[in-house]
Amino acid sequence: MIDYFEQLSAEEQQKVKESIQLLYRQTFLLERKYDRRSGRYQMNQEFYKCNKYLEFIRSYFSIMDIEVLENSQMGVIYLRGEQVVGEKLPKLATLYILILKLIYDEQMSAVSTSMNAMTTLTEIHEKLGMYHLLKKQPSVTEIRRSLALLKRYQIVEPLDVLEELDGFSRMVIYPAIQVVLLGDDARELLQTFREGDAEDDESEI
């Protein structure tokens, strides 16, 4: 492994380092990302840079018992393993992930030939209400913070500026949601949240 790295040019070594750092920081790399300015999906050069050195990067992470997996159908390279420790998300961001997963699954089952899914803030909040998970309307600051986190982790791509959010604000749901959470896991977690909220309600009486 070291021999392979040392045989690379200085420029290529730097690219490998950048790919490792980016993948470890983000957990996921998407092959295509939505560009707001053009209104189209564009190839993500970071994905292809990582893919070029994928075998070496896999060997590097294997030392830490971390798997580097590639799902060519979804167009995502991602890390998996007990050593992968993500950022602790606020409750609202966690609830958003659960609902986004359900919306993604619904849209994919309806249009099996597409990997793209879209939603709005209103739809997300309506589903949270349907599952009795949104006791009160979150503040705009909470919403923006949660969506900014999900954007950073390539779960969603808001099509409007976060500072101009409203109920009609649209967002792309990236395929990375598929490797973050399985459908059955999402439903189990939703039930857990509902049961936890019910216990909170009982304790307040």
N, C-alpha and C. Protein backbone atom coordinates (compact mmCIF):
# COMPACT_ATOMS: atom_id res chain seq x y z
N MET A 1 0.83 -1.20 0.00
CA MET A 1 0.00 0.00 0.00
C MET A 1 0.87 1.25 0.00
N ILE A 2 1.92 1.26 0.82
CA ILE A 2 2.80 2.41 0.90
C ILE A 2 3.57 2.57 -0.41
N ASP A 3 3.97 1.42 -0.99
CA ASP A 3 4.70 1.46 -2.26
C ASP A 3 3.86 2.12 -3.34
N TYR A 4 2.57 1.75 -3.39
CA TYR A 4 1.67 2.32 -4.39
C TYR A 4 1.60 3.84 -4.23
N PHE A 5 1.44 4.29 -3.00
CA PHE A 5 1.31 5.73 -2.74
C PHE A 5 2.58 6.47 -3.12
N GLU A 6 3.73 5.90 -2.79
CA GLU A 6 5.00 6.57 -3.06
C GLU A 6 5.32 6.64 -4.55
N GLN A 7 4.70 5.74 -5.31
CA GLN A 7 4.94 5.74 -6.76
C GLN A 7 4.10 6.80 -7.47
N LEU A 8 3.14 7.35 -6.78
CA LEU A 8 2.31 8.41 -7.37
C LEU A 8 3.09 9.72 -7.43
N SER A 9 2.70 10.55 -8.35
CA SER A 9 3.30 11.89 -8.42
C SER A 9 2.84 12.70 -7.23
N ALA A 10 3.52 13.80 -6.96
CA ALA A 10 3.15 14.67 -5.84
C ALA A 10 1.73 15.19 -6.00
N GLU A 11 1.35 15.48 -7.25
CA GLU A 11 -0.01 15.97 -7.53
C GLU A 11 -1.04 14.89 -7.22
N GLU A 12 -0.75 13.65 -7.62
CA GLU A 12 -1.69 12.56 -7.38
C GLU A 12 -1.77 12.23 -5.90
N GLN A 13 -0.66 12.29 -5.19
CA GLN A 13 -0.67 12.06 -3.74
C GLN A 13 -1.56 13.07 -3.05
N GLN A 14 -1.51 14.31 -3.51
CA GLN A 14 -2.35 15.35 -2.92
C GLN A 14 -3.82 15.06 -3.18
N LYS A 15 -4.15 14.56 -4.38
CA LYS A 15 -5.53 14.22 -4.71
C LYS A 15 -6.04 13.08 -3.83
N VAL A 16 -5.19 12.09 -3.59
CA VAL A 16 -5.57 10.98 -2.72
C VAL A 16 -5.85 11.48 -1.30
N LYS A 17 -4.98 12.32 -0.80
CA LYS A 17 -5.16 12.88 0.55
C LYS A 17 -6.47 13.65 0.64
N GLU A 18 -6.74 14.47 -0.36
CA GLU A 18 -7.98 15.27 -0.36
C GLU A 18 -9.21 14.37 -0.40
N SER A 19 -9.15 13.29 -1.19
CA SER A 19 -10.29 12.36 -1.28
C SER A 19 -10.54 11.67 0.06
N ILE A 20 -9.47 11.23 0.71
CA ILE A 20 -9.59 10.56 2.00
C ILE A 20 -10.18 11.52 3.04
N GLN A 21 -9.66 12.73 3.08
CA GLN A 21 -10.14 13.71 4.06
C GLN A 21 -11.60 14.06 3.82
N LEU A 22 -11.97 14.25 2.55
CA LEU A 22 -13.35 14.62 2.22
C LEU A 22 -14.32 13.49 2.54
N LEU A 23 -13.95 12.26 2.18
CA LEU A 23 -14.82 11.12 2.43
C LEU A 23 -15.00 10.90 3.93
N TYR A 24 -13.93 11.05 4.70
CA TYR A 24 -14.02 10.85 6.14
C TYR A 24 -14.86 11.94 6.79
N ARG A 25 -14.75 13.14 6.25
CA ARG A 25 -15.50 14.27 6.82
C ARG A 25 -16.98 14.20 6.47
N GLN A 26 -17.30 13.77 5.24
CA GLN A 26 -18.68 13.80 4.77
C GLN A 26 -19.39 12.45 4.84
N THR A 27 -18.62 11.36 4.94
CA THR A 27 -19.16 10.00 4.97
C THR A 27 -19.64 9.53 3.59
N PHE A 28 -20.18 10.42 2.77
CA PHE A 28 -20.71 10.08 1.46
C PHE A 28 -20.09 10.98 0.39
N LEU A 29 -19.95 10.42 -0.81
CA LEU A 29 -19.62 11.22 -1.99
C LEU A 29 -20.59 10.84 -3.09
N LEU A 30 -21.28 11.82 -3.64
CA LEU A 30 -22.27 11.58 -4.68
C LEU A 30 -21.66 11.75 -6.06
N GLU A 31 -22.11 10.89 -6.99
CA GLU A 31 -21.62 10.98 -8.36
C GLU A 31 -22.17 12.21 -9.07
N ARG A 32 -23.41 12.53 -8.77
CA ARG A 32 -24.04 13.70 -9.39
C ARG A 32 -24.69 14.57 -8.32
N LYS A 33 -24.52 15.87 -8.46
CA LYS A 33 -25.12 16.80 -7.52
C LYS A 33 -25.91 17.85 -8.32
N TYR A 34 -26.98 18.33 -7.68
CA TYR A 34 -27.85 19.30 -8.35
C TYR A 34 -27.23 20.69 -8.27
N ASP A 35 -27.18 21.35 -9.41
CA ASP A 35 -26.64 22.71 -9.49
C ASP A 35 -27.80 23.69 -9.62
N ARG A 36 -27.95 24.55 -8.62
CA ARG A 36 -29.09 25.48 -8.61
C ARG A 36 -29.04 26.45 -9.79
N ARG A 37 -27.85 26.88 -10.15
CA ARG A 37 -27.74 27.90 -11.19
C ARG A 37 -28.18 27.37 -12.56
N SER A 38 -27.76 26.15 -12.87
CA SER A 38 -28.13 25.58 -14.18
C SER A 38 -29.46 24.84 -14.13
N GLY A 39 -29.91 24.47 -12.91
CA GLY A 39 -31.14 23.72 -12.77
C GLY A 39 -31.01 22.29 -13.27
N ARG A 40 -29.77 21.77 -13.25
CA ARG A 40 -29.52 20.43 -13.74
C ARG A 40 -28.55 19.70 -12.81
N TYR A 41 -28.57 18.36 -12.93
CA TYR A 41 -27.57 17.57 -12.21
C TYR A 41 -26.26 17.63 -12.97
N GLN A 42 -25.16 17.75 -12.21
CA GLN A 42 -23.85 17.79 -12.83
C GLN A 42 -22.94 16.76 -12.17
N MET A 43 -21.98 16.26 -12.94
CA MET A 43 -21.04 15.29 -12.44
C MET A 43 -20.19 15.91 -11.33
N ASN A 44 -19.98 15.15 -10.27
CA ASN A 44 -19.20 15.61 -9.13
C ASN A 44 -17.77 15.12 -9.30
N GLN A 45 -16.86 16.03 -9.57
CA GLN A 45 -15.47 15.65 -9.82
C GLN A 45 -14.82 14.99 -8.61
N GLU A 46 -15.28 15.35 -7.41
CA GLU A 46 -14.72 14.74 -6.19
C GLU A 46 -15.01 13.25 -6.15
N PHE A 47 -16.17 12.86 -6.66
CA PHE A 47 -16.54 11.45 -6.71
C PHE A 47 -15.58 10.68 -7.62
N TYR A 48 -15.33 11.22 -8.81
CA TYR A 48 -14.48 10.54 -9.77
C TYR A 48 -13.02 10.51 -9.32
N LYS A 49 -12.62 11.54 -8.62
CA LYS A 49 -11.26 11.57 -8.10
C LYS A 49 -11.07 10.47 -7.06
N CYS A 50 -12.09 10.31 -6.20
CA CYS A 50 -12.05 9.25 -5.19
C CYS A 50 -12.13 7.87 -5.85
N ASN A 51 -12.99 7.76 -6.85
CA ASN A 51 -13.18 6.48 -7.54
C ASN A 51 -11.90 6.01 -8.23
N LYS A 52 -11.11 6.92 -8.73
CA LYS A 52 -9.86 6.59 -9.43
C LYS A 52 -8.88 5.87 -8.50
N TYR A 53 -8.87 6.28 -7.23
CA TYR A 53 -7.93 5.70 -6.26
C TYR A 53 -8.66 4.82 -5.23
N LEU A 54 -9.80 4.29 -5.63
CA LEU A 54 -10.70 3.63 -4.67
C LEU A 54 -10.06 2.44 -3.96
N GLU A 55 -9.32 1.61 -4.68
CA GLU A 55 -8.72 0.44 -4.06
C GLU A 55 -7.72 0.83 -2.98
N PHE A 56 -6.91 1.85 -3.25
CA PHE A 56 -5.97 2.32 -2.25
C PHE A 56 -6.72 2.90 -1.04
N ILE A 57 -7.76 3.69 -1.33
CA ILE A 57 -8.53 4.31 -0.25
C ILE A 57 -9.21 3.24 0.60
N ARG A 58 -9.69 2.18 -0.04
CA ARG A 58 -10.28 1.06 0.71
C ARG A 58 -9.25 0.43 1.65
N SER A 59 -8.05 0.23 1.15
CA SER A 59 -6.99 -0.37 1.98
C SER A 59 -6.64 0.55 3.15
N TYR A 60 -6.62 1.84 2.87
CA TYR A 60 -6.30 2.82 3.92
C TYR A 60 -7.33 2.76 5.05
N PHE A 61 -8.61 2.80 4.69
CA PHE A 61 -9.65 2.79 5.71
C PHE A 61 -9.81 1.43 6.39
N SER A 62 -9.43 0.36 5.71
CA SER A 62 -9.55 -0.98 6.31
C SER A 62 -8.70 -1.12 7.56
N ILE A 63 -7.62 -0.34 7.64
CA ILE A 63 -6.77 -0.36 8.84
C ILE A 63 -7.57 0.06 10.06
N MET A 64 -8.57 0.92 9.85
CA MET A 64 -9.43 1.40 10.95
C MET A 64 -10.73 0.61 11.03
N ASP A 65 -10.78 -0.53 10.32
CA ASP A 65 -11.99 -1.36 10.28
C ASP A 65 -13.19 -0.60 9.72
N ILE A 66 -12.91 0.24 8.74
CA ILE A 66 -13.97 0.98 8.06
C ILE A 66 -14.04 0.51 6.61
N GLU A 67 -15.24 0.16 6.17
CA GLU A 67 -15.44 -0.26 4.78
C GLU A 67 -15.72 0.95 3.91
N VAL A 68 -15.18 0.92 2.70
CA VAL A 68 -15.51 1.92 1.70
C VAL A 68 -16.31 1.21 0.62
N LEU A 69 -17.58 1.56 0.51
CA LEU A 69 -18.49 0.88 -0.41
C LEU A 69 -18.90 1.82 -1.54
N GLU A 70 -19.16 1.22 -2.68
CA GLU A 70 -19.64 1.98 -3.83
C GLU A 70 -20.92 1.35 -4.34
N ASN A 71 -21.95 2.16 -4.47
CA ASN A 71 -23.20 1.71 -5.06
C ASN A 71 -23.34 2.43 -6.39
N SER A 72 -23.02 1.71 -7.46
CA SER A 72 -23.01 2.34 -8.79
C SER A 72 -24.42 2.69 -9.25
N GLN A 73 -25.42 1.94 -8.81
CA GLN A 73 -26.80 2.22 -9.21
C GLN A 73 -27.27 3.56 -8.65
N MET A 74 -26.94 3.80 -7.38
CA MET A 74 -27.33 5.06 -6.75
C MET A 74 -26.32 6.16 -7.02
N GLY A 75 -25.10 5.79 -7.42
CA GLY A 75 -24.07 6.78 -7.66
C GLY A 75 -23.55 7.39 -6.37
N VAL A 76 -23.10 6.52 -5.45
CA VAL A 76 -22.60 7.02 -4.17
C VAL A 76 -21.47 6.13 -3.66
N ILE A 77 -20.44 6.75 -3.14
CA ILE A 77 -19.36 6.07 -2.42
C ILE A 77 -19.52 6.47 -0.96
N TYR A 78 -19.48 5.49 -0.05
CA TYR A 78 -19.73 5.83 1.34
C TYR A 78 -18.96 4.94 2.30
N LEU A 79 -18.85 5.41 3.52
CA LEU A 79 -18.14 4.68 4.58
C LEU A 79 -19.14 3.92 5.44
N ARG A 80 -18.71 2.75 5.92
CA ARG A 80 -19.55 1.98 6.83
C ARG A 80 -18.66 1.28 7.84
N GLY A 81 -19.05 1.36 9.10
CA GLY A 81 -18.29 0.70 10.16
C GLY A 81 -18.54 1.34 11.50
N GLU A 82 -18.26 0.61 12.56
CA GLU A 82 -18.50 1.12 13.91
C GLU A 82 -17.61 2.32 14.23
N GLN A 83 -16.49 2.44 13.51
CA GLN A 83 -15.58 3.55 13.78
C GLN A 83 -16.01 4.85 13.11
N VAL A 84 -17.03 4.76 12.27
CA VAL A 84 -17.53 5.97 11.60
C VAL A 84 -18.46 6.68 12.56
N VAL A 85 -18.01 7.79 13.08
CA VAL A 85 -18.79 8.55 14.06
C VAL A 85 -19.22 9.86 13.42
N GLY A 86 -20.51 9.97 13.18
CA GLY A 86 -21.03 11.19 12.57
C GLY A 86 -21.33 12.25 13.61
N GLU A 87 -21.66 13.41 13.12
CA GLU A 87 -22.03 14.52 14.00
C GLU A 87 -23.37 14.23 14.65
N LYS A 88 -23.49 14.57 15.94
CA LYS A 88 -24.76 14.39 16.62
C LYS A 88 -25.75 15.44 16.11
N LEU A 89 -26.83 14.96 15.53
CA LEU A 89 -27.81 15.86 14.93
C LEU A 89 -28.87 16.28 15.94
N PRO A 90 -29.38 17.50 15.80
CA PRO A 90 -30.51 17.91 16.64
C PRO A 90 -31.74 17.08 16.29
N LYS A 91 -32.71 17.05 17.19
CA LYS A 91 -33.89 16.20 16.99
C LYS A 91 -34.62 16.53 15.69
N LEU A 92 -34.74 17.81 15.37
CA LEU A 92 -35.48 18.20 14.17
C LEU A 92 -34.80 17.64 12.92
N ALA A 93 -33.48 17.71 12.85
CA ALA A 93 -32.75 17.17 11.69
C ALA A 93 -32.95 15.67 11.59
N THR A 94 -32.96 14.98 12.73
CA THR A 94 -33.19 13.54 12.74
C THR A 94 -34.58 13.20 12.23
N LEU A 95 -35.57 13.97 12.68
CA LEU A 95 -36.95 13.75 12.20
C LEU A 95 -37.05 14.02 10.70
N TYR A 96 -36.35 15.04 10.23
CA TYR A 96 -36.35 15.34 8.80
C TYR A 96 -35.80 14.15 8.01
N ILE A 97 -34.71 13.54 8.49
CA ILE A 97 -34.12 12.39 7.80
C ILE A 97 -35.13 11.26 7.70
N LEU A 98 -35.84 10.98 8.79
CA LEU A 98 -36.83 9.90 8.79
C LEU A 98 -37.93 10.16 7.77
N ILE A 99 -38.44 11.37 7.75
CA ILE A 99 -39.52 11.70 6.82
C ILE A 99 -39.01 11.74 5.38
N LEU A 100 -37.81 12.26 5.18
CA LEU A 100 -37.23 12.31 3.84
C LEU A 100 -37.06 10.90 3.27
N LYS A 101 -36.69 9.96 4.14
CA LYS A 101 -36.53 8.57 3.70
C LYS A 101 -37.87 8.00 3.24
N LEU A 102 -38.93 8.27 4.00
CA LEU A 102 -40.26 7.78 3.63
C LEU A 102 -40.72 8.41 2.31
N ILE A 103 -40.48 9.70 2.15
CA ILE A 103 -40.87 10.38 0.91
C ILE A 103 -40.08 9.82 -0.27
N TYR A 104 -38.79 9.61 -0.05
CA TYR A 104 -37.94 9.07 -1.12
C TYR A 104 -38.44 7.70 -1.56
N ASP A 105 -38.73 6.83 -0.58
CA ASP A 105 -39.22 5.48 -0.90
C ASP A 105 -40.53 5.53 -1.67
N GLU A 106 -41.44 6.42 -1.25
CA GLU A 106 -42.73 6.55 -1.93
C GLU A 106 -42.54 6.97 -3.39
N GLN A 107 -41.67 7.93 -3.61
CA GLN A 107 -41.48 8.43 -4.97
C GLN A 107 -40.74 7.41 -5.84
N MET A 108 -39.80 6.68 -5.26
CA MET A 108 -39.05 5.69 -6.02
C MET A 108 -39.93 4.50 -6.41
N SER A 109 -40.86 4.15 -5.53
CA SER A 109 -41.76 3.03 -5.84
C SER A 109 -42.75 3.42 -6.94
N ALA A 110 -43.03 4.73 -7.04
CA ALA A 110 -43.96 5.21 -8.06
C ALA A 110 -43.27 5.39 -9.41
N VAL A 111 -41.99 5.78 -9.37
CA VAL A 111 -41.22 6.01 -10.60
C VAL A 111 -39.92 5.24 -10.49
N SER A 112 -39.95 3.97 -10.81
CA SER A 112 -38.82 3.08 -10.57
C SER A 112 -37.62 3.37 -11.45
N THR A 113 -37.82 4.12 -12.55
CA THR A 113 -36.72 4.39 -13.47
C THR A 113 -35.91 5.62 -13.09
N SER A 114 -36.31 6.32 -12.05
CA SER A 114 -35.62 7.55 -11.65
C SER A 114 -34.94 7.38 -10.31
N MET A 115 -33.81 8.06 -10.14
CA MET A 115 -33.14 8.07 -8.84
C MET A 115 -33.31 9.43 -8.17
N ASN A 116 -34.10 10.30 -8.77
CA ASN A 116 -34.27 11.65 -8.25
C ASN A 116 -35.60 11.78 -7.53
N ALA A 117 -35.58 12.46 -6.42
CA ALA A 117 -36.80 12.71 -5.65
C ALA A 117 -36.81 14.16 -5.22
N MET A 118 -38.00 14.73 -5.16
CA MET A 118 -38.16 16.13 -4.77
C MET A 118 -39.22 16.22 -3.69
N THR A 119 -39.09 17.23 -2.85
CA THR A 119 -40.12 17.47 -1.84
C THR A 119 -40.12 18.96 -1.50
N THR A 120 -41.04 19.33 -0.63
CA THR A 120 -41.10 20.71 -0.15
C THR A 120 -41.13 20.70 1.37
N LEU A 121 -40.86 21.83 1.94
CA LEU A 121 -40.88 21.96 3.39
C LEU A 121 -42.27 21.68 3.93
N THR A 122 -43.29 22.12 3.20
CA THR A 122 -44.67 21.88 3.62
C THR A 122 -44.96 20.39 3.69
N GLU A 123 -44.55 19.64 2.66
CA GLU A 123 -44.79 18.20 2.64
C GLU A 123 -44.10 17.51 3.82
N ILE A 124 -42.88 17.91 4.12
CA ILE A 124 -42.14 17.32 5.24
C ILE A 124 -42.89 17.57 6.54
N HIS A 125 -43.33 18.80 6.76
CA HIS A 125 -44.00 19.15 8.01
C HIS A 125 -45.39 18.51 8.09
N GLU A 126 -46.05 18.36 6.94
CA GLU A 126 -47.35 17.69 6.96
C GLU A 126 -47.21 16.23 7.38
N LYS A 127 -46.17 15.56 6.89
CA LYS A 127 -45.95 14.17 7.27
C LYS A 127 -45.53 14.05 8.73
N LEU A 128 -44.75 15.01 9.20
CA LEU A 128 -44.40 15.01 10.63
C LEU A 128 -45.66 15.15 11.47
N GLY A 129 -46.58 16.01 11.01
CA GLY A 129 -47.85 16.16 11.71
C GLY A 129 -48.69 14.91 11.64
N MET A 130 -48.67 14.23 10.50
CA MET A 130 -49.44 13.01 10.32
C MET A 130 -48.99 11.92 11.29
N TYR A 131 -47.70 11.90 11.57
CA TYR A 131 -47.15 10.93 12.51
C TYR A 131 -47.13 11.47 13.95
N HIS A 132 -47.73 12.65 14.13
CA HIS A 132 -47.82 13.28 15.46
C HIS A 132 -46.43 13.50 16.08
N LEU A 133 -45.49 13.94 15.25
CA LEU A 133 -44.13 14.16 15.72
C LEU A 133 -43.77 15.63 15.83
N LEU A 134 -44.67 16.49 15.37
CA LEU A 134 -44.39 17.92 15.40
C LEU A 134 -45.41 18.59 16.30
N LYS A 135 -45.06 18.73 17.58
CA LYS A 135 -46.00 19.31 18.54
C LYS A 135 -46.21 20.80 18.30
N LYS A 136 -45.14 21.46 17.89
CA LYS A 136 -45.25 22.90 17.61
C LYS A 136 -44.37 23.22 16.42
N GLN A 137 -44.70 24.28 15.75
CA GLN A 137 -43.95 24.69 14.58
C GLN A 137 -42.54 25.11 14.99
N PRO A 138 -41.49 24.48 14.43
CA PRO A 138 -40.13 24.87 14.79
C PRO A 138 -39.83 26.28 14.29
N SER A 139 -38.87 26.90 14.93
CA SER A 139 -38.50 28.25 14.52
C SER A 139 -37.77 28.20 13.18
N VAL A 140 -37.76 29.33 12.51
CA VAL A 140 -37.05 29.42 11.22
C VAL A 140 -35.58 29.10 11.40
N THR A 141 -35.01 29.53 12.52
CA THR A 141 -33.60 29.25 12.80
C THR A 141 -33.34 27.75 12.91
N GLU A 142 -34.23 27.04 13.61
CA GLU A 142 -34.09 25.58 13.74
C GLU A 142 -34.18 24.90 12.38
N ILE A 143 -35.14 25.34 11.58
CA ILE A 143 -35.33 24.75 10.25
C ILE A 143 -34.10 24.96 9.38
N ARG A 144 -33.61 26.20 9.35
CA ARG A 144 -32.44 26.50 8.53
C ARG A 144 -31.21 25.72 8.98
N ARG A 145 -31.04 25.63 10.30
CA ARG A 145 -29.88 24.89 10.82
C ARG A 145 -29.96 23.42 10.44
N SER A 146 -31.14 22.84 10.56
CA SER A 146 -31.32 21.42 10.24
C SER A 146 -31.07 21.15 8.76
N LEU A 147 -31.63 21.99 7.91
CA LEU A 147 -31.45 21.79 6.47
C LEU A 147 -30.01 22.04 6.04
N ALA A 148 -29.34 22.99 6.71
CA ALA A 148 -27.94 23.25 6.40
C ALA A 148 -27.08 22.02 6.72
N LEU A 149 -27.40 21.35 7.84
CA LEU A 149 -26.67 20.14 8.21
C LEU A 149 -26.91 19.02 7.19
N LEU A 150 -28.16 18.86 6.78
CA LEU A 150 -28.49 17.80 5.82
C LEU A 150 -27.90 18.11 4.45
N LYS A 151 -27.79 19.36 4.12
CA LYS A 151 -27.14 19.75 2.86
C LYS A 151 -25.65 19.43 2.93
N ARG A 152 -25.04 19.71 4.07
CA ARG A 152 -23.60 19.44 4.22
C ARG A 152 -23.30 17.95 4.09
N TYR A 153 -24.22 17.13 4.61
CA TYR A 153 -24.02 15.68 4.53
C TYR A 153 -24.61 15.08 3.26
N GLN A 154 -24.99 15.93 2.30
CA GLN A 154 -25.47 15.49 0.99
C GLN A 154 -26.72 14.62 1.07
N ILE A 155 -27.59 14.95 2.00
CA ILE A 155 -28.88 14.28 2.10
C ILE A 155 -29.91 15.03 1.24
N VAL A 156 -29.86 16.35 1.31
CA VAL A 156 -30.77 17.17 0.50
C VAL A 156 -30.00 18.31 -0.16
N GLU A 157 -30.63 18.87 -1.17
CA GLU A 157 -30.11 20.08 -1.82
C GLU A 157 -31.25 21.06 -1.97
N PRO A 158 -31.35 22.04 -1.06
CA PRO A 158 -32.41 23.05 -1.20
C PRO A 158 -32.26 23.81 -2.51
N LEU A 159 -33.36 24.00 -3.23
CA LEU A 159 -33.30 24.70 -4.50
C LEU A 159 -33.46 26.19 -4.34
N ASP A 160 -33.77 26.61 -3.13
CA ASP A 160 -33.89 28.03 -2.83
C ASP A 160 -32.88 28.40 -1.75
N VAL A 161 -32.54 29.64 -1.69
CA VAL A 161 -31.60 30.10 -0.67
C VAL A 161 -32.19 29.88 0.71
N LEU A 162 -31.39 29.34 1.64
CA LEU A 162 -31.89 29.02 2.97
C LEU A 162 -32.46 30.24 3.68
N GLU A 163 -31.91 31.39 3.39
CA GLU A 163 -32.39 32.62 4.04
C GLU A 163 -33.78 33.02 3.55
N GLU A 164 -34.23 32.39 2.45
CA GLU A 164 -35.53 32.75 1.88
C GLU A 164 -36.52 31.59 1.96
N LEU A 165 -36.34 30.74 2.95
CA LEU A 165 -37.20 29.55 3.09
C LEU A 165 -38.65 29.91 3.36
N ASP A 166 -39.54 29.14 2.73
CA ASP A 166 -40.96 29.19 3.10
C ASP A 166 -41.53 27.80 2.84
N GLY A 167 -42.82 27.62 3.05
CA GLY A 167 -43.43 26.30 2.93
C GLY A 167 -43.32 25.70 1.54
N PHE A 168 -43.16 26.57 0.53
CA PHE A 168 -43.08 26.08 -0.85
C PHE A 168 -41.64 25.83 -1.29
N SER A 169 -40.70 26.03 -0.38
CA SER A 169 -39.29 25.82 -0.72
C SER A 169 -39.07 24.36 -1.11
N ARG A 170 -38.53 24.15 -2.30
CA ARG A 170 -38.32 22.81 -2.81
C ARG A 170 -36.91 22.32 -2.49
N MET A 171 -36.75 21.02 -2.48
CA MET A 171 -35.42 20.45 -2.26
C MET A 171 -35.32 19.08 -2.91
N VAL A 172 -34.13 18.79 -3.39
CA VAL A 172 -33.82 17.48 -3.96
C VAL A 172 -33.44 16.56 -2.80
N ILE A 173 -33.95 15.33 -2.83
CA ILE A 173 -33.52 14.32 -1.87
C ILE A 173 -32.51 13.43 -2.58
N TYR A 174 -31.28 13.44 -2.09
CA TYR A 174 -30.22 12.67 -2.75
C TYR A 174 -30.32 11.18 -2.42
N PRO A 175 -29.82 10.31 -3.31
CA PRO A 175 -29.85 8.86 -3.07
C PRO A 175 -29.08 8.44 -1.81
N ALA A 176 -28.23 9.31 -1.28
CA ALA A 176 -27.49 8.98 -0.06
C ALA A 176 -28.44 8.62 1.08
N ILE A 177 -29.68 9.10 1.02
CA ILE A 177 -30.66 8.78 2.06
C ILE A 177 -30.86 7.27 2.15
N GLN A 178 -30.63 6.55 1.04
CA GLN A 178 -30.80 5.11 1.00
C GLN A 178 -29.78 4.38 1.85
N VAL A 179 -28.57 4.92 1.94
CA VAL A 179 -27.54 4.24 2.73
C VAL A 179 -27.45 4.80 4.15
N VAL A 180 -28.14 5.90 4.38
CA VAL A 180 -28.21 6.43 5.74
C VAL A 180 -29.20 5.62 6.57
N LEU A 181 -30.30 5.25 5.92
CA LEU A 181 -31.39 4.62 6.66
C LEU A 181 -32.18 3.69 5.75
N LEU A 182 -32.43 2.48 6.21
CA LEU A 182 -33.28 1.56 5.48
C LEU A 182 -34.74 1.87 5.79
N GLY A 183 -35.63 1.50 4.87
CA GLY A 183 -37.05 1.83 5.03
C GLY A 183 -37.64 1.30 6.32
N ASP A 184 -37.37 0.04 6.65
CA ASP A 184 -37.92 -0.55 7.88
C ASP A 184 -37.36 0.14 9.11
N ASP A 185 -36.06 0.50 9.06
CA ASP A 185 -35.44 1.21 10.19
C ASP A 185 -36.12 2.55 10.41
N ALA A 186 -36.44 3.23 9.31
CA ALA A 186 -37.10 4.54 9.41
C ALA A 186 -38.44 4.41 10.12
N ARG A 187 -39.21 3.40 9.74
CA ARG A 187 -40.53 3.22 10.34
C ARG A 187 -40.42 2.83 11.81
N GLU A 188 -39.43 2.02 12.15
CA GLU A 188 -39.23 1.64 13.55
C GLU A 188 -38.84 2.85 14.39
N LEU A 189 -37.98 3.69 13.84
CA LEU A 189 -37.56 4.88 14.57
C LEU A 189 -38.71 5.86 14.73
N LEU A 190 -39.54 5.98 13.69
CA LEU A 190 -40.71 6.85 13.80
C LEU A 190 -41.61 6.39 14.93
N GLN A 191 -41.80 5.07 15.02
CA GLN A 191 -42.64 4.52 16.09
C GLN A 191 -42.02 4.80 17.45
N THR A 192 -40.69 4.70 17.53
CA THR A 192 -40.00 4.99 18.79
C THR A 192 -40.21 6.43 19.21
N PHE A 193 -40.10 7.35 18.25
CA PHE A 193 -40.31 8.77 18.55
C PHE A 193 -41.75 9.00 19.02
N ARG A 194 -42.70 8.34 18.37
CA ARG A 194 -44.11 8.52 18.73
C ARG A 194 -44.37 8.01 20.13
N GLU A 195 -43.80 6.86 20.46
CA GLU A 195 -43.97 6.29 21.79
C GLU A 195 -43.32 7.18 22.84
N GLY A 196 -42.15 7.72 22.51
CA GLY A 196 -41.45 8.60 23.45
C GLY A 196 -42.23 9.87 23.71
N ASP A 197 -42.83 10.44 22.65
CA ASP A 197 -43.64 11.64 22.81
C ASP A 197 -44.90 11.36 23.62
N ALA A 198 -45.46 10.15 23.45
CA ALA A 198 -46.67 9.79 24.19
C ALA A 198 -46.35 9.71 25.69
N GLU A 199 -45.19 9.15 26.01
CA GLU A 199 -44.78 9.05 27.41
C GLU A 199 -44.55 10.44 27.99
N ASP A 200 -43.98 11.35 27.17
CA ASP A 200 -43.77 12.72 27.64
C ASP A 200 -45.10 13.39 27.95
N ASP A 201 -46.10 13.14 27.06
CA ASP A 201 -47.41 13.72 27.27
C ASP A 201 -48.03 13.22 28.57
N GLU A 202 -47.88 11.93 28.83
CA GLU A 202 -48.47 11.34 30.04
C GLU A 202 -47.80 11.90 31.29
N SER A 203 -46.50 12.15 31.20
CA SER A 203 -45.78 12.62 32.39
C SER A 203 -46.12 14.07 32.68
N GLU A 204 -46.62 14.81 31.65
CA GLU A 204 -46.95 16.21 31.85
C GLU A 204 -48.32 16.39 32.46
N ILE A 205 -49.15 15.36 32.41
CA ILE A 205 -50.53 15.48 32.92
C ILE A 205 -50.53 15.53 34.46
